[in-house]
C-alpha atoms as a PDB file:
ATOM      1  CA  MET A   1     -26.415  19.450   3.459  1.00  0.00           C
ATOM      2  CA  SER A   2     -22.805  18.276   3.644  1.00  0.00           C
ATOM      3  CA  LYS A   3     -20.281  20.890   3.337  1.00  0.00           C
ATOM      4  CA  PRO A   4     -17.186  20.124   1.614  1.00  0.00           C
ATOM      5  CA  ARG A   5     -14.040  19.814   3.071  1.00  0.00           C
ATOM      6  CA  GLU A   6     -10.602  18.943   2.157  1.00  0.00           C
ATOM      7  CA  PRO A   7      -9.394  15.558   3.351  1.00  0.00           C
ATOM      8  CA  GLN A   8      -6.524  15.021   5.999  1.00  0.00           C
ATOM      9  CA  PRO A   9      -3.509  13.682   4.766  1.00  0.00           C
ATOM     10  CA  ALA A  10      -2.933   9.826   4.588  1.00  0.00           C
ATOM     11  CA  LYS A  11      -0.215   7.467   5.377  1.00  0.00           C
ATOM     12  CA  LEU A  12       1.297   6.023   2.095  1.00  0.00           C
ATOM     13  CA  VAL A  13       2.092   2.306   2.662  1.00  0.00           C
ATOM     14  CA  SER A  14       3.260  -0.295   0.087  1.00  0.00           C
ATOM     15  CA  ALA A  15       3.349  -3.599  -0.577  1.00  0.00           C
ATOM     16  CA  ILE A  16       6.496  -5.277  -2.417  1.00  0.00           C
ATOM     17  CA  LEU A  17       6.514  -8.494  -4.048  1.00  0.00           C
ATOM     18  CA  PHE A  18      10.132  -9.682  -5.068  1.00  0.00           C
ATOM     19  CA  LYS A  19      12.624 -12.617  -5.348  1.00  0.00           C
ATOM     20  CA  ASP A  20      16.004 -10.841  -5.399  1.00  0.00           C
ATOM     21  CA  PHE A  21      16.927  -8.475  -2.473  1.00  0.00           C
ATOM     22  CA  ASP A  22      19.083  -6.645  -4.636  1.00  0.00           C
ATOM     23  CA  VAL A  23      16.108  -5.471  -6.901  1.00  0.00           C
ATOM     24  CA  ARG A  24      13.897  -5.015  -3.842  1.00  0.00           C
ATOM     25  CA  GLY A  25      16.670  -2.689  -2.443  1.00  0.00           C
ATOM     26  CA  ARG A  26      16.831  -0.934  -5.560  1.00  0.00           C
ATOM     27  CA  ALA A  27      13.140  -0.418  -5.224  1.00  0.00           C
ATOM     28  CA  LEU A  28      13.049   0.883  -1.842  1.00  0.00           C
ATOM     29  CA  ARG A  29      15.992   3.337  -2.455  1.00  0.00           C
ATOM     30  CA  ALA A  30      13.853   4.814  -5.361  1.00  0.00           C
ATOM     31  CA  LEU A  31      10.724   4.803  -3.477  1.00  0.00           C
ATOM     32  CA  CYS A  32      12.510   6.642  -0.853  1.00  0.00           C
ATOM     33  CA  ASP A  33      14.223   8.820  -2.896  1.00  0.00           C
ATOM     34  CA  ASN A  34      10.791   9.899  -4.100  1.00  0.00           C
ATOM     35  CA  PHE A  35       8.179   9.907  -1.184  1.00  0.00           C
ATOM     36  CA  GLY A  36      11.000  10.583   1.698  1.00  0.00           C
ATOM     37  CA  PRO A  37      12.190   8.263   4.737  1.00  0.00           C
ATOM     38  CA  MET A  38      10.292   5.141   5.721  1.00  0.00           C
ATOM     39  CA  ASP A  39       9.018   4.720   8.915  1.00  0.00           C
ATOM     40  CA  PHE A  40       8.142   0.944   8.783  1.00  0.00           C
ATOM     41  CA  LEU A  41       9.387  -2.029   6.826  1.00  0.00           C
ATOM     42  CA  SER A  42       8.185  -5.820   7.693  1.00  0.00           C
ATOM     43  CA  GLU A  43      10.256  -8.658   7.611  1.00  0.00           C
ATOM     44  CA  ALA A  44      10.101 -10.460   4.429  1.00  0.00           C
ATOM     45  CA  MET A  45       7.957 -13.239   4.196  1.00  0.00           C
ATOM     46  CA  PRO A  46       6.998 -15.940   1.588  1.00  0.00           C
ATOM     47  CA  PHE A  47       4.050 -14.767  -0.507  1.00  0.00           C
ATOM     48  CA  THR A  48       1.800 -17.847  -0.455  1.00  0.00           C
ATOM     49  CA  TYR A  49      -1.749 -16.822  -1.006  1.00  0.00           C
ATOM     50  CA  THR A  50      -1.569 -17.007  -4.787  1.00  0.00           C
ATOM     51  CA  SER A  51       0.501 -18.311  -7.713  1.00  0.00           C
ATOM     52  CA  TYR A  52      -0.779 -15.475  -9.809  1.00  0.00           C
ATOM     53  CA  TYR A  53       2.809 -13.754 -10.023  1.00  0.00           C
ATOM     54  CA  ASP A  54       4.607 -16.904 -10.677  1.00  0.00           C
ATOM     55  CA  LYS A  55       4.454 -17.098 -14.463  1.00  0.00           C
ATOM     56  CA  GLU A  56       6.086 -13.730 -14.580  1.00  0.00           C
ATOM     57  CA  MET A  57       8.232 -13.474 -11.387  1.00  0.00           C
ATOM     58  CA  GLY A  58       9.019 -17.123 -10.944  1.00  0.00           C
ATOM     59  CA  PRO A  59       8.217 -19.309  -7.576  1.00  0.00           C
ATOM     60  CA  GLY A  60       9.938 -18.416  -4.024  1.00  0.00           C
ATOM     61  CA  ILE A  61       8.364 -14.550  -4.108  1.00  0.00           C
ATOM     62  CA  GLN A  62       8.775 -12.885  -0.827  1.00  0.00           C
ATOM     63  CA  ARG A  63       6.670  -9.923   0.496  1.00  0.00           C
ATOM     64  CA  GLN A  64       7.373  -6.705   2.577  1.00  0.00           C
ATOM     65  CA  VAL A  65       5.409  -3.903   3.512  1.00  0.00           C
ATOM     66  CA  CYS A  66       6.625  -0.717   4.082  1.00  0.00           C
ATOM     67  CA  SER A  67       5.327   2.853   5.045  1.00  0.00           C
ATOM     68  CA  PHE A  68       6.693   6.158   4.714  1.00  0.00           C
ATOM     69  CA  ALA A  69       7.184   9.073   7.574  1.00  0.00           C
ATOM     70  CA  GLU A  70       5.622  11.768   5.303  1.00  0.00           C
ATOM     71  CA  LEU A  71       1.741  11.838   4.881  1.00  0.00           C
ATOM     72  CA  VAL A  72       0.538  12.634   1.537  1.00  0.00           C
ATOM     73  CA  PRO A  73      -2.513  14.291   0.300  1.00  0.00           C
ATOM     74  CA  PRO A  74      -5.208  11.697  -0.697  1.00  0.00           C
ATOM     75  CA  GLU A  75      -5.460  13.248  -4.068  1.00  0.00           C
ATOM     76  CA  THR A  76      -1.965  12.099  -5.230  1.00  0.00           C
ATOM     77  CA  LEU A  77      -2.490   8.422  -5.198  1.00  0.00           C
ATOM     78  CA  PRO A  78      -2.695   8.236  -9.009  1.00  0.00           C
ATOM     79  CA  ASP A  79       0.772  10.175  -9.249  1.00  0.00           C
ATOM     80  CA  ILE A  80       2.018   7.557  -6.597  1.00  0.00           C
ATOM     81  CA  LYS A  81       0.751   4.590  -8.732  1.00  0.00           C
ATOM     82  CA  LEU A  82       2.316   6.012 -12.074  1.00  0.00           C
ATOM     83  CA  PHE A  83       5.525   6.343 -10.551  1.00  0.00           C
ATOM     84  CA  THR A  84       5.472   2.987  -9.098  1.00  0.00           C
ATOM     85  CA  ASN A  85       4.298   1.737 -12.457  1.00  0.00           C
ATOM     86  CA  GLN A  86       7.308   3.274 -14.090  1.00  0.00           C
ATOM     87  CA  LEU A  87       9.669   1.829 -11.222  1.00  0.00           C
ATOM     88  CA  GLU A  88       8.631  -1.615 -11.856  1.00  0.00           C
ATOM     89  CA  SER A  89       9.244  -1.155 -15.659  1.00  0.00           C
ATOM     90  CA  ARG A  90      12.556   0.427 -15.052  1.00  0.00           C
ATOM     91  CA  LEU A  91      13.612  -2.706 -12.916  1.00  0.00           C
ATOM     92  CA  SER A  92      12.104  -5.039 -15.368  1.00  0.00           C
ATOM     93  CA  ALA A  93      14.380  -7.678 -17.095  1.00  0.00           C
ATOM     94  CA  ASN A  94      13.792  -9.599 -20.262  1.00  0.00           C
ATOM     95  CA  GLY A  95      10.202  -8.248 -20.210  1.00  0.00           C
ATOM     96  CA  SER A  96       9.260  -9.206 -16.773  1.00  0.00           C
ATOM     97  CA  ARG A  97       8.750  -7.575 -13.633  1.00  0.00           C
ATOM     98  CA  GLN A  98      11.163  -8.423 -11.050  1.00  0.00           C
ATOM     99  CA  VAL A  99       9.308  -6.443  -8.154  1.00  0.00           C
ATOM    100  CA  ASN A 100       5.509  -5.508  -7.984  1.00  0.00           C
ATOM    101  CA  ILE A 101       4.714  -2.403  -5.925  1.00  0.00           C
ATOM    102  CA  ASP A 102       1.353  -1.951  -4.411  1.00  0.00           C
ATOM    103  CA  PRO A 103       0.840   1.522  -3.044  1.00  0.00           C
ATOM    104  CA  GLY A 104      -2.051   2.641  -0.943  1.00  0.00           C
ATOM    105  CA  LEU A 105      -3.132   5.174   1.518  1.00  0.00           C
ATOM    106  CA  LEU A 106      -3.909   4.417   5.133  1.00  0.00           C
ATOM    107  CA  SER A 107      -6.586   6.655   6.988  1.00  0.00           C
ATOM    108  CA  GLU A 108      -8.119   6.320  10.165  1.00  0.00           C
ATOM    109  CA  GLU A 109     -11.149   4.746   8.241  1.00  0.00           C
ATOM    110  CA  ARG A 110      -9.805   2.710   5.791  1.00  0.00           C
ATOM    111  CA  LEU A 111      -6.825   1.385   3.431  1.00  0.00           C
ATOM    112  CA  VAL A 112      -7.181   2.190  -0.224  1.00  0.00           C
ATOM    113  CA  LEU A 113      -5.004   0.623  -2.906  1.00  0.00           C
ATOM    114  CA  ALA A 114      -4.351   2.083  -6.149  1.00  0.00           C
ATOM    115  CA  THR A 115      -4.813  -0.021  -9.324  1.00  0.00           C
ATOM    116  CA  GLY A 116      -4.990   0.304 -13.191  1.00  0.00           C
ATOM    117  CA  LYS A 117      -7.581  -2.577 -13.367  1.00  0.00           C
ATOM    118  CA  ASN A 118     -11.258  -1.285 -13.160  1.00  0.00           C
ATOM    119  CA  TYR A 119     -13.796  -3.706 -11.579  1.00  0.00           C
ATOM    120  CA  THR A 120     -17.384  -3.121 -10.215  1.00  0.00           C
ATOM    121  CA  HIS A 121     -16.226  -1.793  -6.506  1.00  0.00           C
ATOM    122  CA  ARG A 122     -13.625   0.378  -7.901  1.00  0.00           C
ATOM    123  CA  ILE A 123     -13.627   4.171  -8.214  1.00  0.00           C
ATOM    124  CA  TYR A 124     -11.921   5.850 -11.418  1.00  0.00           C
ATOM    125  CA  LEU A 125      -9.714   8.899  -9.915  1.00  0.00           C
ATOM    126  CA  ARG A 126      -7.559   9.651 -12.944  1.00  0.00           C
ATOM    127  CA  ASN A 127      -4.987   8.861 -15.526  1.00  0.00           C
ATOM    128  CA  GLY A 128      -6.027   5.426 -15.818  1.00  0.00           C
ATOM    129  CA  ILE A 129      -5.989   4.881 -12.101  1.00  0.00           C
ATOM    130  CA  TYR A 130      -8.565   3.326  -9.919  1.00  0.00           C
ATOM    131  CA  ALA A 131      -9.111   3.389  -6.073  1.00  0.00           C
ATOM    132  CA  ASP A 132      -9.654  -0.116  -4.320  1.00  0.00           C
ATOM    133  CA  LEU A 133     -11.397  -0.074  -1.026  1.00  0.00           C
ATOM    134  CA  THR A 134      -9.763  -2.980   0.192  1.00  0.00           C
ATOM    135  CA  LEU A 135     -10.010  -2.638   4.064  1.00  0.00           C
ATOM    136  CA  ILE A 136     -12.167  -1.079   6.543  1.00  0.00           C
ATOM    137  CA  TYR A 137     -11.531  -0.227  10.274  1.00  0.00           C
ATOM    138  CA  GLU A 138     -14.129  -0.901  12.373  1.00  0.00           C
ATOM    139  CA  LYS A 139     -14.628  -1.804  16.135  1.00  0.00           C
ATOM    140  CA  GLY A 140     -10.999  -1.882  16.721  1.00  0.00           C
ATOM    141  CA  GLY A 141      -9.699  -3.945  13.855  1.00  0.00           C
ATOM    142  CA  TYR A 142      -9.375  -4.112   9.884  1.00  0.00           C
ATOM    143  CA  LYS A 143     -12.292  -5.536   8.198  1.00  0.00           C
ATOM    144  CA  ALA A 144     -11.898  -7.434   5.037  1.00  0.00           C
ATOM    145  CA  LEU A 145     -14.613  -6.651   2.112  1.00  0.00           C
ATOM    146  CA  ALA A 146     -15.975  -9.473  -0.244  1.00  0.00           C
ATOM    147  CA  TRP A 147     -13.496  -8.440  -2.822  1.00  0.00           C
ATOM    148  CA  THR A 148     -10.331  -8.171  -0.526  1.00  0.00           C
ATOM    149  CA  TYR A 149      -7.495 -10.080  -2.195  1.00  0.00           C
ATOM    150  CA  PRO A 150      -6.341 -12.796   0.426  1.00  0.00           C
ATOM    151  CA  ASP A 151      -3.049 -11.213   1.275  1.00  0.00           C
ATOM    152  CA  TYR A 152      -5.120  -8.547   2.411  1.00  0.00           C
ATOM    153  CA  ARG A 153      -7.014 -10.642   4.816  1.00  0.00           C
ATOM    154  CA  ASP A 154      -4.156 -11.668   6.740  1.00  0.00           C
ATOM    155  CA  THR A 155      -4.073 -10.830  10.330  1.00  0.00           C
ATOM    156  CA  ARG A 156      -0.528 -10.453  10.546  1.00  0.00           C
ATOM    157  CA  LEU A 157      -0.908  -7.639   8.086  1.00  0.00           C
ATOM    158  CA  HIS A 158      -3.539  -6.076  10.095  1.00  0.00           C
ATOM    159  CA  VAL A 159      -1.330  -5.891  13.370  1.00  0.00           C
ATOM    160  CA  PHE A 160       0.762  -3.795  11.322  1.00  0.00           C
ATOM    161  CA  LEU A 161      -2.010  -1.703   9.984  1.00  0.00           C
ATOM    162  CA  ILE A 162      -3.359  -1.054  13.439  1.00  0.00           C
ATOM    163  CA  ALA A 163       0.302   0.219  14.604  1.00  0.00           C
ATOM    164  CA  LEU A 164       0.437   2.250  11.390  1.00  0.00           C
ATOM    165  CA  ARG A 165      -3.001   3.925  12.060  1.00  0.00           C
ATOM    166  CA  ARG A 166      -1.840   4.623  15.534  1.00  0.00           C
ATOM    167  CA  LYS A 167       1.094   6.365  14.385  1.00  0.00           C
ATOM    168  CA  LEU A 168      -0.966   8.338  11.778  1.00  0.00           C
ATOM    169  CA  MET A 169      -3.308   9.403  14.398  1.00  0.00           C
ATOM    170  CA  PHE A 170       0.112  10.458  16.300  1.00  0.00           C
ATOM    171  CA  GLN A 171       1.237  12.280  13.350  1.00  0.00           C
ATOM    172  CA  ARG A 172      -2.051  14.116  12.555  1.00  0.00           C
ATOM    173  CA  ARG A 173      -2.639  15.367  16.290  1.00  0.00           C
ATOM    174  CA  GLY A 174       0.773  15.500  17.465  1.00  0.00           C
ATOM    175  CA  ARG A 175       0.073  13.290  20.582  1.00  0.00           C
ATOM    176  CA  LEU A 176      -0.851   9.648  21.303  1.00  0.00           C
ATOM    177  CA  PRO A 177      -4.254   8.701  20.995  1.00  0.00           C
ATOM    178  CA  ARG A 178      -6.449   8.023  24.170  1.00  0.00           C
ATOM    179  CA  ASN A 179      -8.419   5.363  22.599  1.00  0.00           C
ATOM    180  CA  ALA A 180      -6.936   4.059  19.188  1.00  0.00           C
ATOM    181  CA  ALA A 181     -10.428   2.310  18.314  1.00  0.00           C
END
């Protein structure tokens, strides 16, 4: 019989899609005001994986990934997603989002994103929010699953996530891991 245990806190990460660096800056400030200081921000890179967001945001979308210094309890993922949804709405113009924020939780084993959309592999959490198992950590690296979005399959993102995973392990244990695999 398994004995229930509370999960360890996780690293809050977020992918941000945007066109306007000023709007992106306002989004990042609001995220930091709510979740504390960032400890990682990738360079802005063109988002070329799909044209799905072009209709709403227009062409020329950029993407950055950030993480936050303070670890969060996994059960707060719905609250985090609800906050980012409100922030997206607040920063909208003429009924269109100017920024898309995809929050997720990085643990030693996986990356789970939050979404408001149900699908076969997503698990309902609460308040209209589902958990989307996006990547698993296995044999020293991140592995995509059949449903993983193309941008989360990108090995450049995996390099960032591996570094953030090591930082998470350090934060949890107070020392560098001997073997990060």
